[in-house]
Amino acid sequence: MGNFENKKILITGGSRGIGLGMARHFFQQGARVAICGRKEANLQKAKEEIGDLLTIAANLGKAAEVENVFNLLRSEFQTLDILINNLGMNIFTPFTAEADIPLWDKIMDSNLKAAFLCSRQAFPLMKDKGGVIINISSIAGHRASPGMGIYGIAKAGVNMLTKVLAKELASSGIRVNAVAPGVVETEFSKPFWSNQEILKEILKGVPLGRIARIDDVVDLVAFLVSPQAAYLTGEIISLSGGAEA
């Protein structure tokens, strides 16, 4: 499914979970892979596990730090073929109307602002030769979910960012799509799938009868960045085991 030999790829939130799975996949396919994350220790652990990754510690909600990330990318890679905006986080918010502003800012910065800032910096590296941007969204972006109010609003923003950039960047040969998973078996979602009662309730709404695995997301992203998906752009693709049917 595509040849990624010597492709230059940046994966945000790439030191754990889905991001780590994607980094491993593309590295094994011969790509030159850079990953970003907040914690240097997690980045080094990923590098030890996978191989010669370019690791960059940064808070991607801050414009100056994103600029530094891309300055380093230019120095090391000179160009960029694929950007995967995978960074995301949620803090349980039972009642959005009473959420405090710092909480709102933290969730928005990680999920939406970071995707915008990175896409903005990636554009000059792609505009002369084309490229692909993938945003990792969530089904929470188009369906209100308990405890995920701000997160869902942020992911709805990611979905619209995907559509806007797809239209604006198409003339530069840049495709932009989003993947919107349901619950994926990662540390991020462990409070949901590790509780058997909660998991039982979740699976009532999933026709395929299981939650997603990391490889389910990785395989879909690998297709979307491949030449086989050359006519796909501006799409928000649900990966929910039929929960969205």
Protein backbone atom coordinates (compact mmCIF):
# COMPACT_ATOMS: atom_id res chain seq x y z
CA MET A 1 0.00 0.00 0.00
CA GLY A 2 2.29 2.71 -1.25
CA ASN A 3 6.05 3.10 -1.13
CA PHE A 4 7.25 5.22 1.77
CA GLU A 5 10.97 4.77 1.15
CA ASN A 6 12.73 8.04 2.07
CA LYS A 7 9.43 9.88 2.55
CA LYS A 8 9.74 12.58 5.19
CA ILE A 9 6.99 12.28 7.79
CA LEU A 10 6.19 14.25 10.94
CA ILE A 11 3.87 12.68 13.51
CA THR A 12 2.75 14.84 16.42
CA GLY A 13 2.01 13.04 19.67
CA GLY A 14 4.20 10.31 18.24
CA SER A 15 5.76 8.87 21.38
CA ARG A 16 2.80 6.79 22.59
CA GLY A 17 -0.37 5.02 21.51
CA ILE A 18 -1.63 5.62 17.98
CA GLY A 19 1.23 7.99 17.19
CA LEU A 20 3.84 5.44 18.21
CA GLY A 21 2.09 2.78 16.14
CA MET A 22 2.20 5.03 13.07
CA ALA A 23 5.84 5.94 13.67
CA ARG A 24 6.76 2.25 13.85
CA HIS A 25 4.81 1.41 10.68
CA PHE A 26 6.27 4.14 8.51
CA PHE A 27 9.81 3.66 9.85
CA GLN A 28 9.60 -0.03 8.94
CA GLN A 29 8.46 1.02 5.46
CA GLY A 30 11.68 3.01 4.97
CA ALA A 31 10.41 6.51 5.74
CA ARG A 32 12.39 9.14 7.60
CA VAL A 33 10.18 9.79 10.60
CA ALA A 34 10.12 12.66 13.06
CA ILE A 35 7.96 12.58 16.17
CA CYS A 36 6.98 15.33 18.59
CA GLY A 37 5.86 15.14 22.18
CA ARG A 38 5.97 17.05 25.43
CA LYS A 39 8.14 14.62 27.42
CA GLU A 40 11.73 13.94 26.41
CA ALA A 41 11.74 10.64 28.30
CA ASN A 42 8.83 9.28 26.22
CA LEU A 43 10.47 10.41 23.00
CA GLN A 44 13.73 8.68 23.87
CA LYS A 45 11.89 5.51 24.82
CA ALA A 46 10.18 5.55 21.40
CA LYS A 47 13.52 6.01 19.68
CA GLU A 48 15.06 3.11 21.60
CA GLU A 49 12.09 0.92 20.69
CA ILE A 50 11.82 1.78 16.99
CA GLY A 51 15.17 3.04 15.74
CA ASP A 52 16.67 6.20 14.31
CA LEU A 53 13.74 8.57 14.67
CA LEU A 54 14.13 12.33 14.78
CA THR A 55 12.63 13.26 18.16
CA ILE A 56 11.60 16.79 19.09
CA ALA A 57 10.28 17.86 22.48
CA ALA A 58 7.80 20.72 22.20
CA ASN A 59 4.51 22.16 23.38
CA LEU A 60 2.67 22.34 20.07
CA GLY A 61 0.03 24.67 21.44
CA LYS A 62 2.65 27.45 21.41
CA ALA A 63 3.44 29.09 18.08
CA ALA A 64 7.08 29.78 18.90
CA GLU A 65 7.74 26.14 19.80
CA VAL A 66 6.04 24.91 16.63
CA GLU A 67 8.23 27.28 14.62
CA ASN A 68 11.30 25.79 16.32
CA VAL A 69 10.11 22.27 15.46
CA PHE A 70 9.83 23.14 11.78
CA ASN A 71 13.16 24.97 11.73
CA LEU A 72 14.75 21.74 12.94
CA LEU A 73 12.79 19.75 10.35
CA ARG A 74 14.07 22.02 7.59
CA SER A 75 17.60 21.51 8.83
CA GLU A 76 17.30 17.70 9.04
CA PHE A 77 14.81 16.84 6.28
CA GLN A 78 14.85 19.94 4.02
CA THR A 79 11.28 19.09 3.02
CA LEU A 80 8.15 17.33 4.31
CA ASP A 81 5.93 14.85 2.48
CA ILE A 82 3.42 13.88 5.16
CA LEU A 83 2.17 15.61 8.31
CA ILE A 84 0.05 13.60 10.74
CA ASN A 85 -1.59 15.81 13.34
CA ASN A 86 -2.13 13.12 15.94
CA LEU A 87 -1.66 15.12 19.15
CA GLY A 88 -4.73 15.15 21.35
CA MET A 89 -5.85 14.99 24.94
CA ASN A 90 -9.00 15.13 27.03
CA ILE A 91 -9.73 15.96 30.63
CA PHE A 92 -13.09 14.70 31.83
CA THR A 93 -15.56 17.60 31.77
CA PRO A 94 -18.96 16.61 33.17
CA PHE A 95 -20.55 20.00 32.49
CA THR A 96 -19.03 22.18 29.77
CA ALA A 97 -20.96 25.32 30.74
CA GLU A 98 -19.17 25.30 34.10
CA ALA A 99 -15.70 24.42 32.82
CA ASP A 100 -12.96 26.88 33.71
CA ILE A 101 -11.12 28.81 31.02
CA PRO A 102 -7.65 27.26 31.58
CA LEU A 103 -9.19 23.81 31.06
CA TRP A 104 -10.87 24.98 27.85
CA ASP A 105 -7.59 26.47 26.61
CA LYS A 106 -5.56 23.35 27.42
CA ILE A 107 -7.87 21.00 25.54
CA MET A 108 -8.29 23.39 22.60
CA ASP A 109 -4.55 24.01 22.33
CA SER A 110 -3.69 20.31 22.22
CA ASN A 111 -6.43 19.19 19.86
CA LEU A 112 -7.16 22.13 17.53
CA LYS A 113 -4.61 24.90 17.83
CA ALA A 114 -1.68 22.49 17.48
CA ALA A 115 -3.15 21.03 14.29
CA PHE A 116 -3.57 24.52 12.84
CA LEU A 117 -0.09 25.69 13.83
CA CYS A 118 1.60 22.58 12.42
CA SER A 119 -0.41 22.66 9.18
CA ARG A 120 0.47 26.33 8.80
CA GLN A 121 4.18 25.56 9.11
CA ALA A 122 3.98 22.47 6.89
CA PHE A 123 2.42 24.34 3.97
CA PRO A 124 5.63 26.11 2.82
CA LEU A 125 7.46 22.77 2.87
CA MET A 126 4.81 21.11 0.69
CA LYS A 127 3.43 23.78 -1.61
CA ASP A 128 5.96 23.36 -4.44
CA LYS A 129 5.74 19.57 -4.70
CA GLY A 130 2.54 18.50 -2.96
CA GLY A 131 2.01 16.48 0.18
CA VAL A 132 -0.53 14.98 2.54
CA ILE A 133 -1.92 16.15 5.87
CA ILE A 134 -3.85 13.76 8.08
CA ASN A 135 -5.72 14.98 11.14
CA ILE A 136 -6.65 12.47 13.83
CA SER A 137 -10.11 13.50 14.94
CA SER A 138 -12.79 11.54 16.83
CA ILE A 139 -16.42 10.54 16.51
CA ALA A 140 -16.82 12.87 19.51
CA GLY A 141 -16.35 15.67 16.96
CA HIS A 142 -19.82 15.11 15.54
CA ARG A 143 -21.65 13.41 18.37
CA ALA A 144 -21.97 14.85 21.88
CA SER A 145 -20.45 12.41 24.36
CA PRO A 146 -20.64 12.45 28.17
CA GLY A 147 -17.57 13.96 29.82
CA MET A 148 -16.05 14.94 26.46
CA GLY A 149 -17.70 18.28 25.80
CA ILE A 150 -14.68 20.50 25.20
CA TYR A 151 -12.81 17.66 23.50
CA GLY A 152 -15.74 17.12 21.14
CA ILE A 153 -15.91 20.82 20.32
CA ALA A 154 -12.19 20.83 19.58
CA LYS A 155 -12.46 17.78 17.33
CA ALA A 156 -15.41 19.38 15.50
CA GLY A 157 -13.02 22.24 14.83
CA VAL A 158 -10.42 19.77 13.56
CA ASN A 159 -13.01 18.39 11.15
CA MET A 160 -13.75 21.82 9.71
CA LEU A 161 -10.05 22.67 9.61
CA THR A 162 -9.63 19.53 7.50
CA LYS A 163 -12.32 20.60 5.03
CA VAL A 164 -11.11 24.20 4.77
CA LEU A 165 -7.48 23.23 4.23
CA ALA A 166 -8.48 20.57 1.69
CA LYS A 167 -10.16 23.23 -0.45
CA GLU A 168 -7.49 25.87 0.05
CA LEU A 169 -4.45 23.64 -0.53
CA ALA A 170 -5.72 21.43 -3.35
CA SER A 171 -4.24 23.70 -6.01
CA SER A 172 -0.82 23.11 -4.42
CA GLY A 173 -1.21 19.36 -4.69
CA ILE A 174 -1.77 18.92 -0.95
CA ARG A 175 -4.46 16.52 0.18
CA VAL A 176 -6.02 16.85 3.64
CA ASN A 177 -8.18 14.21 5.31
CA ALA A 178 -9.18 13.26 8.84
CA VAL A 179 -9.67 9.94 10.60
CA ALA A 180 -12.33 9.94 13.32
CA PRO A 181 -12.05 6.82 15.49
CA GLY A 182 -14.35 5.72 18.23
CA VAL A 183 -12.75 4.22 21.32
CA VAL A 184 -9.28 2.87 20.55
CA GLU A 185 -7.44 0.52 22.89
CA THR A 186 -4.74 2.90 24.13
CA GLU A 187 -3.64 4.33 27.47
CA PHE A 188 -5.54 7.51 26.53
CA SER A 189 -8.87 5.67 26.57
CA LYS A 190 -8.03 3.06 29.22
CA PRO A 191 -10.57 4.44 31.73
CA PHE A 192 -13.28 3.42 29.24
CA TRP A 193 -12.15 0.01 27.98
CA SER A 194 -10.57 -1.27 31.19
CA ASN A 195 -13.87 -0.99 33.06
CA GLN A 196 -15.95 -3.98 31.99
CA GLU A 197 -19.28 -2.31 32.75
CA ILE A 198 -18.39 0.77 30.72
CA LEU A 199 -16.96 -1.37 27.92
CA LYS A 200 -20.15 -3.43 27.82
CA GLU A 201 -22.21 -0.26 27.34
CA ILE A 202 -19.88 1.02 24.61
CA LEU A 203 -20.04 -2.25 22.69
CA LYS A 204 -23.84 -2.19 22.66
CA GLY A 205 -23.52 0.52 20.04
CA VAL A 206 -20.74 -1.09 18.00
CA PRO A 207 -22.06 -3.60 15.44
CA LEU A 208 -18.64 -5.21 14.95
CA GLY A 209 -18.57 -6.02 18.65
CA ARG A 210 -15.17 -4.66 19.65
CA ILE A 211 -13.34 -1.39 20.10
CA ALA A 212 -10.66 -0.31 17.63
CA ARG A 213 -7.07 -1.45 17.88
CA ILE A 214 -4.11 0.81 17.14
CA ASP A 215 -3.41 -1.13 13.94
CA ASP A 216 -6.92 -0.33 12.67
CA VAL A 217 -6.04 3.37 12.75
CA VAL A 218 -2.53 2.86 11.39
CA ASP A 219 -3.79 0.84 8.41
CA LEU A 220 -6.36 3.48 7.48
CA VAL A 221 -3.85 6.32 7.76
CA ALA A 222 -1.34 4.35 5.67
CA PHE A 223 -3.95 4.04 2.93
CA LEU A 224 -4.92 7.71 3.08
CA VAL A 225 -1.33 8.91 2.62
CA SER A 226 -0.66 6.43 -0.19
CA PRO A 227 -1.04 7.00 -3.96
CA GLN A 228 -4.08 4.70 -3.86
CA ALA A 229 -5.95 7.55 -2.12
CA ALA A 230 -4.88 10.21 -4.62
CA TYR A 231 -8.48 11.30 -5.30
CA LEU A 232 -9.47 11.58 -1.63
CA THR A 233 -9.36 14.96 0.06
CA GLY A 234 -11.56 16.87 2.49
CA GLU A 235 -12.99 13.67 3.95
CA ILE A 236 -13.71 12.89 7.62
CA ILE A 237 -13.59 9.09 7.75
CA SER A 238 -15.23 7.45 10.77
CA LEU A 239 -13.52 4.39 12.17
CA SER A 240 -16.12 3.20 14.60
CA GLY A 241 -16.91 -0.45 13.88
CA GLY A 242 -20.29 0.59 12.55
CA ALA A 243 -21.30 2.79 15.48
CA GLU A 244 -21.90 5.64 13.05
CA ALA A 245 -24.09 3.57 10.68
